Amino acid sequence: MKITFYFVRHGETRFNEKGRVQGVCDSPLTALGKAQADRAGDALREVYFDQAFTSPAERAMQTARHILSGRNMEAVIVEDLHEFDFGRYEGTRFTSHPDELKQHFATRDFSSAEGESPARMEVRVREVMKDIVSRCEDQDRVLIVSHGMFELFLMTTLLNVDGDSFYQQRVAEGRRSTPNGGIMVFTYEDGEYRMTVEPTEAERFVLPEEEKHVVFYYVRHGETRFNMWNRMQGADDSPLTAAGIHQAEEARDALRGVEFNAVYTSPYGRARKTAQIIAAPHRIEPVLEKGLKEVDFGDFEGVVTDSWRDEIMRRHLNEQWDDVGGENLKQVQERIRKTLHKIIRKAKDNDTILLVSHGTYYLNILKYLFDIDRTDYFEKRMKAGRQAMPNGGIFTFEYTDGVFRIRELMVSPDEYSK
């Protein structure tokens, strides 16, 4: 089992700002602290958290809320993620007892001041991380929001970091060991913890690339009324015909044995209906993904193709529709890039994903990802006696560590079944 943890220290608080000792006591985030929490959220925007945990301190919970803003999840409070207990020094200024505090911090032992000892803290760190791991599943991406001293003990206790060397390194760099709103990334795999990214300020944080393999099944929607009437259909929509529903059902039957982890569909009704039919046996609710919508043909939407065949074919070669109110090639390719990037980021290693979209979008994927020329593709498919992009057709490709590879070009459901 492998779990990736994203550990964030809370943003600056009033006691941080005033130079007061802050452990199990609490104080609210300052304006800067809220901004630091927002920056951490921005830096982690492309991480799809499966779970989130936070210290019970309000400063940590508030930071977690900022990071998770806009996501449909809340952090679970875990009591033992609380900060180190500094005993009777809690709330005092660092300048009030400089010599005593220096001695205590040198040994990280506040037990004589009715606080925690290093041994007690190490046990707490081990036990709480064991508890959190027990709540996770393989490939989970987990957010933890906690505190600076907790982070240091986590590093020295589980991540094999030499605390003194790390501190000296940060002093030489003119940086804090555990910056407010800073992000640390580490993994747990088969009983071992490993550091991936040292505690880093959010503005300096670079999201590490994930080694990942994802398989995609791409299905074109079933036949629609506009398909049957030979009308251009991009950003406009028309319902599936009886034949279109049957094609979607054939695709469903052909893919019944595939174990999908997620289903994404274009928001247009013809694609949504197709996705619902295919996903039904898998009991997965299709996710509407606007990035999968068909190319916008502008003023050519709804026209009879035969009436403008040469003009339409010329425009399709370079996907040039922006001068008539639609999209251009660059816009379509950027949409493909962003959409696949987002879906891959959300996927876990070895996930299998169903995409339900459109015919021209499929041709643009072939060109953008695999440099397959549209004209050559149609000619080769014709010679092979196959449709280029049949309604209900199935196209399979895969992604492995940044590289896309075709498994099988689009074929009709009955051809796929064979």
Protein backbone atom coordinates (compact mmCIF):
# COMPACT_ATOMS: atom_id res chain seq x y z
CA MET A 1 0.00 0.00 0.00
CA LYS A 2 1.28 3.44 -0.95
CA ILE A 3 0.00 6.74 0.47
CA THR A 4 1.19 10.24 -0.41
CA PHE A 5 0.97 12.83 2.36
CA TYR A 6 0.90 16.60 1.89
CA PHE A 7 1.74 18.15 5.26
CA VAL A 8 1.01 21.86 5.75
CA ARG A 9 1.93 23.95 8.75
CA HIS A 10 -0.77 26.43 9.74
CA GLY A 11 -0.51 30.06 8.66
CA GLU A 12 0.97 32.79 10.84
CA THR A 13 -0.96 33.49 14.06
CA ARG A 14 -1.18 36.42 16.43
CA PHE A 15 1.21 34.68 18.87
CA ASN A 16 3.64 33.94 16.01
CA GLU A 17 3.54 37.60 15.08
CA LYS A 18 4.02 38.77 18.70
CA GLY A 19 6.82 36.30 19.42
CA ARG A 20 4.95 34.23 22.00
CA VAL A 21 5.36 30.52 22.67
CA GLN A 22 2.43 28.64 21.12
CA GLY A 23 1.87 24.94 21.52
CA VAL A 24 -1.34 23.56 22.97
CA CYS A 25 -2.52 27.14 23.50
CA ASP A 26 -4.04 28.85 20.46
CA SER A 27 -4.42 32.21 18.75
CA PRO A 28 -6.14 33.23 15.51
CA LEU A 29 -4.55 33.55 12.10
CA THR A 30 -3.36 37.00 11.13
CA ALA A 31 -4.16 38.52 7.73
CA LEU A 32 -0.77 37.23 6.58
CA GLY A 33 -1.58 33.79 8.01
CA LYS A 34 -4.80 33.64 5.99
CA ALA A 35 -2.89 34.67 2.87
CA GLN A 36 -0.30 31.95 3.54
CA ALA A 37 -3.07 29.38 3.86
CA ASP A 38 -4.57 30.58 0.57
CA ARG A 39 -1.17 30.33 -1.14
CA ALA A 40 -0.81 26.76 0.14
CA GLY A 41 -4.25 26.02 -1.30
CA ASP A 42 -3.21 27.47 -4.65
CA ALA A 43 0.02 25.47 -4.67
CA LEU A 44 -1.95 22.28 -4.01
CA ARG A 45 -4.85 23.08 -6.34
CA GLU A 46 -4.03 20.20 -8.70
CA VAL A 47 -3.80 17.62 -5.92
CA TYR A 48 -7.02 15.63 -5.59
CA PHE A 49 -7.15 14.77 -1.91
CA ASP A 50 -8.86 11.54 -0.97
CA GLN A 51 -8.74 12.42 2.72
CA ALA A 52 -7.80 15.38 4.92
CA PHE A 53 -6.89 15.54 8.61
CA THR A 54 -6.22 18.47 10.90
CA SER A 55 -5.04 19.27 14.38
CA PRO A 56 -7.84 20.33 16.75
CA ALA A 57 -6.31 23.81 17.12
CA GLU A 58 -8.43 26.51 15.48
CA ARG A 59 -5.37 27.90 13.66
CA ALA A 60 -4.90 24.54 11.96
CA MET A 61 -8.59 24.00 11.24
CA GLN A 62 -8.82 27.49 9.75
CA THR A 63 -5.80 26.81 7.55
CA ALA A 64 -7.37 23.55 6.39
CA ARG A 65 -10.58 25.35 5.48
CA HIS A 66 -8.64 27.81 3.33
CA ILE A 67 -6.75 25.00 1.57
CA LEU A 68 -9.91 22.97 0.93
CA SER A 69 -11.99 25.95 -0.18
CA GLY A 70 -14.02 25.05 -3.26
CA ARG A 71 -13.66 21.31 -2.69
CA ASN A 72 -16.49 19.11 -1.54
CA MET A 73 -14.70 17.91 1.60
CA GLU A 74 -13.78 18.89 5.14
CA ALA A 75 -10.76 17.94 7.20
CA VAL A 76 -11.29 15.37 9.96
CA ILE A 77 -10.06 16.49 13.38
CA VAL A 78 -7.45 14.18 14.89
CA GLU A 79 -6.65 15.10 18.50
CA ASP A 80 -3.07 13.81 18.54
CA LEU A 81 -2.05 16.06 15.63
CA HIS A 82 -1.93 18.90 18.19
CA GLU A 83 1.26 20.88 18.70
CA PHE A 84 3.99 20.09 21.23
CA ASP A 85 3.04 21.01 24.81
CA PHE A 86 5.43 23.70 26.12
CA GLY A 87 4.00 23.52 29.65
CA ARG A 88 4.09 26.68 31.72
CA TYR A 89 5.93 28.56 28.97
CA GLU A 90 2.78 28.55 26.84
CA GLY A 91 1.84 32.11 25.89
CA THR A 92 5.03 33.71 27.24
CA ARG A 93 7.27 35.85 25.04
CA PHE A 94 10.44 34.20 23.77
CA THR A 95 12.34 37.21 25.13
CA SER A 96 10.95 36.72 28.65
CA HIS A 97 13.00 33.63 29.51
CA PRO A 98 15.63 33.46 26.75
CA ASP A 99 18.21 31.32 28.56
CA GLU A 100 15.69 28.83 29.94
CA LEU A 101 13.87 28.51 26.63
CA LYS A 102 17.13 28.09 24.75
CA GLN A 103 18.07 25.20 27.02
CA HIS A 104 14.65 23.58 26.70
CA PHE A 105 14.55 23.94 22.92
CA ALA A 106 18.09 22.56 22.62
CA THR A 107 16.94 19.30 24.20
CA ARG A 108 13.32 19.62 23.02
CA ASP A 109 12.37 18.62 26.53
CA PHE A 110 9.73 20.61 28.41
CA SER A 111 8.75 17.86 30.85
CA SER A 112 10.31 19.74 33.78
CA ALA A 113 8.04 22.66 32.90
CA GLU A 114 4.95 20.41 32.94
CA GLY A 115 5.12 20.02 29.17
CA GLU A 116 6.08 17.15 26.84
CA SER A 117 9.27 15.18 26.61
CA PRO A 118 10.92 14.10 23.34
CA ALA A 119 10.17 10.44 24.09
CA ARG A 120 6.49 11.16 24.67
CA MET A 121 6.30 13.26 21.51
CA GLU A 122 7.99 10.59 19.40
CA VAL A 123 5.49 8.00 20.60
CA ARG A 124 2.60 10.35 19.80
CA VAL A 125 3.92 11.02 16.29
CA ARG A 126 4.34 7.32 15.56
CA GLU A 127 0.94 6.39 16.95
CA VAL A 128 -1.05 9.14 15.26
CA MET A 129 0.55 8.41 11.88
CA LYS A 130 -0.18 4.70 12.38
CA ASP A 131 -3.80 5.65 13.07
CA ILE A 132 -4.03 7.86 9.98
CA VAL A 133 -2.48 5.18 7.76
CA SER A 134 -5.06 2.69 9.06
CA ARG A 135 -7.83 5.01 7.81
CA CYS A 136 -6.37 5.22 4.30
CA GLU A 137 -6.55 3.06 1.20
CA ASP A 138 -3.92 2.26 -1.40
CA GLN A 139 -2.93 5.24 -3.56
CA ASP A 140 -4.68 7.78 -1.31
CA ARG A 141 -3.54 11.40 -1.45
CA VAL A 142 -3.85 12.83 2.05
CA LEU A 143 -3.72 16.37 3.44
CA ILE A 144 -2.47 16.87 7.01
CA VAL A 145 -2.57 20.32 8.62
CA SER A 146 -0.64 20.60 11.85
CA HIS A 147 2.22 22.50 13.51
CA GLY A 148 5.89 23.36 13.30
CA MET A 149 7.29 21.35 16.22
CA PHE A 150 5.09 18.39 15.29
CA GLU A 151 6.53 18.61 11.77
CA LEU A 152 10.11 18.60 13.07
CA PHE A 153 9.46 15.53 15.22
CA LEU A 154 7.77 13.85 12.26
CA MET A 155 10.88 14.50 10.17
CA THR A 156 13.34 13.20 12.75
CA THR A 157 11.20 10.32 14.02
CA LEU A 158 9.85 8.85 10.78
CA LEU A 159 11.60 10.50 7.82
CA ASN A 160 15.25 9.95 8.85
CA VAL A 161 16.10 13.65 8.82
CA ASP A 162 19.00 14.90 10.95
CA GLY A 163 17.31 17.78 12.75
CA ASP A 164 20.49 19.72 13.58
CA SER A 165 21.88 19.49 10.05
CA PHE A 166 18.55 20.51 8.56
CA TYR A 167 18.33 23.51 10.91
CA GLN A 168 21.85 24.66 10.00
CA GLN A 169 21.07 24.25 6.32
CA ARG A 170 18.01 26.46 6.63
CA VAL A 171 19.92 29.08 8.66
CA ALA A 172 22.53 29.23 5.89
CA GLU A 173 19.73 29.71 3.34
CA GLY A 174 18.08 32.42 5.40
CA ARG A 175 14.90 30.37 5.65
CA ARG A 176 12.77 28.93 8.43
CA SER A 177 12.87 25.20 9.06
CA THR A 178 9.09 24.88 8.99
CA PRO A 179 7.61 28.02 7.39
CA ASN A 180 4.04 29.07 8.14
CA GLY A 181 1.85 27.79 5.33
CA GLY A 182 4.78 25.68 4.15
CA ILE A 183 4.29 22.33 2.42
CA MET A 184 6.12 19.05 2.98
CA VAL A 185 5.46 15.91 0.93
CA PHE A 186 6.26 12.38 2.05
CA THR A 187 5.10 8.87 1.26
CA TYR A 188 4.27 5.72 3.17
CA GLU A 189 4.80 2.42 1.40
CA ASP A 190 4.97 -1.06 2.86
CA GLY A 191 5.78 0.21 6.36
CA GLU A 192 8.40 2.76 5.28
CA TYR A 193 8.15 6.56 5.23
CA ARG A 194 10.15 8.58 2.70
CA MET A 195 10.59 12.33 2.24
CA THR A 196 9.66 13.62 -1.24
CA VAL A 197 9.70 17.40 -0.74
CA GLU A 198 11.28 19.10 2.29
CA PRO A 199 9.22 21.80 4.09
CA THR A 200 8.92 24.54 1.48
CA GLU A 201 7.24 27.92 1.33
CA ALA A 202 4.06 27.70 -0.74
CA GLU A 203 5.33 30.23 -3.30
CA ARG A 204 8.44 28.09 -3.86
CA PHE A 205 6.65 24.77 -3.90
CA VAL A 206 6.74 22.73 -7.11
CA LEU A 207 4.24 19.91 -7.29
CA PRO A 208 6.20 16.70 -7.96
CA GLU A 209 5.20 14.65 -10.97
CA GLU A 210 3.48 11.40 -10.11
CA GLU A 211 4.58 8.13 -11.65
CA LYS A 212 1.28 6.85 -12.93
CA HIS A 213 -0.33 4.52 -15.45
CA VAL A 214 -3.90 5.28 -16.61
CA VAL A 215 -5.98 3.47 -19.23
CA PHE A 216 -8.64 5.39 -21.17
CA TYR A 217 -11.72 4.09 -22.98
CA TYR A 218 -13.11 6.83 -25.21
CA VAL A 219 -16.63 6.39 -26.60
CA ARG A 220 -18.35 8.57 -29.17
CA HIS A 221 -22.01 9.22 -28.37
CA GLY A 222 -24.76 7.34 -30.20
CA GLU A 223 -26.45 8.63 -33.35
CA THR A 224 -28.50 11.81 -32.96
CA ARG A 225 -31.21 13.45 -35.02
CA PHE A 226 -28.68 15.90 -36.49
CA ASN A 227 -26.36 12.99 -37.36
CA MET A 228 -29.27 11.29 -39.12
CA TRP A 229 -30.20 14.51 -40.96
CA ASN A 230 -26.56 15.19 -41.85
CA ARG A 231 -26.45 18.52 -40.02
CA MET A 232 -23.37 20.04 -38.41
CA GLN A 233 -23.46 19.37 -34.67
CA GLY A 234 -20.83 20.79 -32.35
CA ALA A 235 -21.82 23.15 -29.56
CA ASP A 236 -25.47 22.66 -30.49
CA ASP A 237 -27.26 19.48 -29.47
CA SER A 238 -29.95 17.07 -30.57
CA PRO A 239 -31.33 13.95 -28.87
CA LEU A 240 -30.26 10.39 -29.54
CA THR A 241 -32.31 8.48 -32.07
CA ALA A 242 -33.58 4.96 -31.40
CA ALA A 243 -30.53 3.74 -33.32
CA GLY A 244 -28.31 5.99 -31.16
CA ILE A 245 -29.70 4.51 -27.97
CA HIS A 246 -29.10 1.04 -29.39
CA GLN A 247 -25.49 1.97 -30.25
CA ALA A 248 -24.95 3.20 -26.68
CA GLU A 249 -26.37 -0.08 -25.41
CA GLU A 250 -24.03 -2.02 -27.69
CA ALA A 251 -21.09 -0.02 -26.29
CA ARG A 252 -22.38 -0.76 -22.78
CA ASP A 253 -22.46 -4.49 -23.49
CA ALA A 254 -19.03 -4.44 -25.13
CA LEU A 255 -17.54 -2.70 -22.08
CA ARG A 256 -19.50 -4.54 -19.41
CA GLY A 257 -16.46 -6.50 -18.29
CA VAL A 258 -14.20 -3.44 -17.90
CA GLU A 259 -13.78 -2.22 -14.32
CA PHE A 260 -13.96 1.56 -14.56
CA ASN A 261 -12.74 3.73 -11.71
CA ALA A 262 -14.40 6.89 -13.03
CA VAL A 263 -16.63 8.05 -15.89
CA TYR A 264 -16.41 11.52 -17.46
CA THR A 265 -18.79 12.87 -20.07
CA SER A 266 -19.22 15.93 -22.24
CA PRO A 267 -22.04 18.08 -20.81
CA TYR A 268 -24.10 17.87 -24.02
CA GLY A 269 -27.24 15.74 -23.75
CA ARG A 270 -26.27 13.26 -26.48
CA ALA A 271 -23.06 12.41 -24.62
CA ARG A 272 -24.65 12.42 -21.17
CA LYS A 273 -27.33 9.96 -22.25
CA THR A 274 -24.71 7.68 -23.81
CA ALA A 275 -22.57 7.84 -20.67
CA GLN A 276 -25.52 7.03 -18.41
CA ILE A 277 -26.36 3.96 -20.47
CA ILE A 278 -22.77 2.66 -20.48
CA ALA A 279 -22.11 3.46 -16.81
CA ALA A 280 -25.33 1.91 -15.46
CA PRO A 281 -23.97 -1.65 -14.93
CA HIS A 282 -20.90 -0.22 -13.24
CA ARG A 283 -22.98 1.84 -10.80
CA ILE A 284 -20.81 4.89 -11.39
CA GLU A 285 -22.33 8.34 -11.76
CA PRO A 286 -20.82 10.10 -14.82
CA VAL A 287 -19.03 13.36 -14.03
CA LEU A 288 -19.85 16.28 -16.33
CA GLU A 289 -16.61 17.60 -17.81
CA LYS A 290 -16.99 20.69 -19.99
CA GLY A 291 -13.51 20.16 -21.40
CA LEU A 292 -14.87 17.10 -23.28
CA LYS A 293 -17.47 19.10 -25.22
CA GLU A 294 -17.45 18.95 -29.02
CA VAL A 295 -15.68 21.56 -31.17
CA ASP A 296 -17.75 24.73 -31.59
CA PHE A 297 -18.44 25.23 -35.33
CA GLY A 298 -19.87 28.73 -34.89
CA ASP A 299 -22.20 29.86 -37.68
CA PHE A 300 -21.94 26.44 -39.33
CA GLU A 301 -23.83 24.83 -36.44
CA GLY A 302 -26.96 23.15 -37.75
CA VAL A 303 -26.27 23.58 -41.48
CA VAL A 304 -26.70 20.62 -43.82
CA THR A 305 -23.21 19.27 -44.48
CA ASP A 306 -23.79 18.49 -48.18
CA SER A 307 -24.62 22.13 -48.84
CA TRP A 308 -21.19 23.29 -47.65
CA ARG A 309 -19.09 20.14 -48.07
CA ASP A 310 -15.95 21.68 -49.59
CA GLU A 311 -15.96 24.65 -47.21
CA ILE A 312 -16.52 22.45 -44.17
CA MET A 313 -13.78 20.01 -45.18
CA ARG A 314 -11.36 22.91 -45.72
CA ARG A 315 -12.11 24.29 -42.28
CA HIS A 316 -11.84 20.88 -40.62
CA LEU A 317 -8.28 20.46 -41.88
CA ASN A 318 -7.09 23.29 -39.61
CA GLU A 319 -10.08 23.39 -37.26
CA GLN A 320 -10.69 27.01 -38.15
CA TRP A 321 -14.07 28.21 -36.91
CA ASP A 322 -13.17 31.24 -34.79
CA ASP A 323 -13.82 33.69 -37.63
CA VAL A 324 -17.45 32.51 -37.69
CA GLY A 325 -17.95 32.58 -33.92
CA GLY A 326 -16.56 29.15 -33.08
CA GLU A 327 -13.22 27.72 -31.93
CA ASN A 328 -9.81 27.46 -33.54
CA LEU A 329 -7.25 24.64 -33.46
CA LYS A 330 -5.17 26.19 -30.70
CA GLN A 331 -8.20 26.58 -28.43
CA VAL A 332 -9.32 23.00 -29.01
CA GLN A 333 -5.86 21.56 -28.37
CA GLU A 334 -5.44 23.60 -25.20
CA ARG A 335 -8.80 22.33 -24.00
CA ILE A 336 -7.71 18.74 -24.65
CA ARG A 337 -4.43 19.31 -22.79
CA LYS A 338 -6.06 20.84 -19.73
CA THR A 339 -8.84 18.27 -19.59
CA LEU A 340 -6.60 15.21 -19.79
CA HIS A 341 -4.10 16.77 -17.37
CA LYS A 342 -6.87 17.34 -14.81
CA ILE A 343 -8.31 13.85 -15.20
CA ILE A 344 -4.87 12.23 -14.96
CA ARG A 345 -4.04 14.27 -11.86
CA LYS A 346 -7.23 13.06 -10.21
CA ALA A 347 -6.72 9.43 -11.24
CA LYS A 348 -4.74 6.94 -9.19
CA ASP A 349 -2.06 4.62 -10.52
CA ASN A 350 -3.55 1.89 -12.76
CA ASP A 351 -6.99 3.49 -12.89
CA THR A 352 -9.23 2.79 -15.87
CA ILE A 353 -11.25 5.80 -17.05
CA LEU A 354 -14.24 6.05 -19.39
CA LEU A 355 -14.56 9.24 -21.48
CA VAL A 356 -17.74 9.88 -23.46
CA SER A 357 -17.40 12.63 -26.01
CA HIS A 358 -17.68 13.41 -29.73
CA GLY A 359 -16.36 12.61 -33.20
CA THR A 360 -14.41 15.75 -34.11
CA TYR A 361 -12.99 15.92 -30.60
CA TYR A 362 -11.68 12.37 -31.14
CA LEU A 363 -9.98 13.40 -34.39
CA ASN A 364 -8.34 16.31 -32.58
CA ILE A 365 -7.02 13.95 -29.89
CA LEU A 366 -5.46 11.82 -32.63
CA LYS A 367 -3.76 14.87 -34.12
CA TYR A 368 -2.69 16.52 -30.87
CA LEU A 369 -1.48 13.49 -28.94
CA PHE A 370 -0.38 11.13 -31.72
CA ASP A 371 0.23 13.39 -34.74
CA ILE A 372 -2.20 11.41 -36.89
CA ASP A 373 -3.24 13.43 -39.94
CA ARG A 374 -7.00 13.60 -40.46
CA THR A 375 -6.94 12.99 -44.22
CA ASP A 376 -4.50 10.07 -43.96
CA TYR A 377 -6.54 8.58 -41.15
CA PHE A 378 -9.79 8.66 -43.16
CA GLU A 379 -8.07 7.14 -46.21
CA LYS A 380 -6.53 4.30 -44.21
CA ARG A 381 -9.78 3.53 -42.43
CA MET A 382 -11.64 3.48 -45.74
CA LYS A 383 -9.11 1.08 -47.25
CA ALA A 384 -9.46 -1.13 -44.20
CA GLY A 385 -13.23 -1.15 -44.66
CA ARG A 386 -13.84 0.56 -41.31
CA GLN A 387 -15.66 3.70 -40.27
CA ALA A 388 -13.40 6.50 -39.10
CA MET A 389 -15.48 7.48 -36.07
CA PRO A 390 -18.65 5.37 -35.74
CA ASN A 391 -21.42 6.43 -33.38
CA GLY A 392 -20.96 4.41 -30.21
CA GLY A 393 -17.40 3.67 -31.34
CA ILE A 394 -14.72 2.75 -28.80
CA PHE A 395 -11.16 4.09 -28.82
CA THR A 396 -8.57 2.97 -26.26
CA PHE A 397 -5.31 4.64 -25.27
CA GLU A 398 -3.11 4.81 -22.20
CA TYR A 399 -0.90 7.21 -20.28
CA THR A 400 2.32 6.17 -18.56
CA ASP A 401 4.56 8.70 -16.79
CA GLY A 402 3.96 11.53 -19.24
CA VAL A 403 3.67 9.47 -22.44
CA PHE A 404 0.45 8.63 -24.32
CA ARG A 405 0.15 5.49 -26.43
CA ILE A 406 -2.68 4.17 -28.61
CA ARG A 407 -4.03 0.74 -27.78
CA GLU A 408 -6.68 0.57 -30.50
CA LEU A 409 -8.15 3.18 -32.83
CA MET A 410 -11.89 3.70 -32.73
CA VAL A 411 -14.01 0.72 -33.80
CA SER A 412 -17.73 0.04 -33.60
CA PRO A 413 -18.97 -1.84 -30.50
CA ASP A 414 -19.47 -5.07 -32.41
CA GLU A 415 -15.94 -4.88 -33.86
CA TYR A 416 -14.56 -4.18 -30.37
CA SER A 417 -16.35 -7.23 -28.98
CA LYS A 418 -14.69 -9.45 -31.58
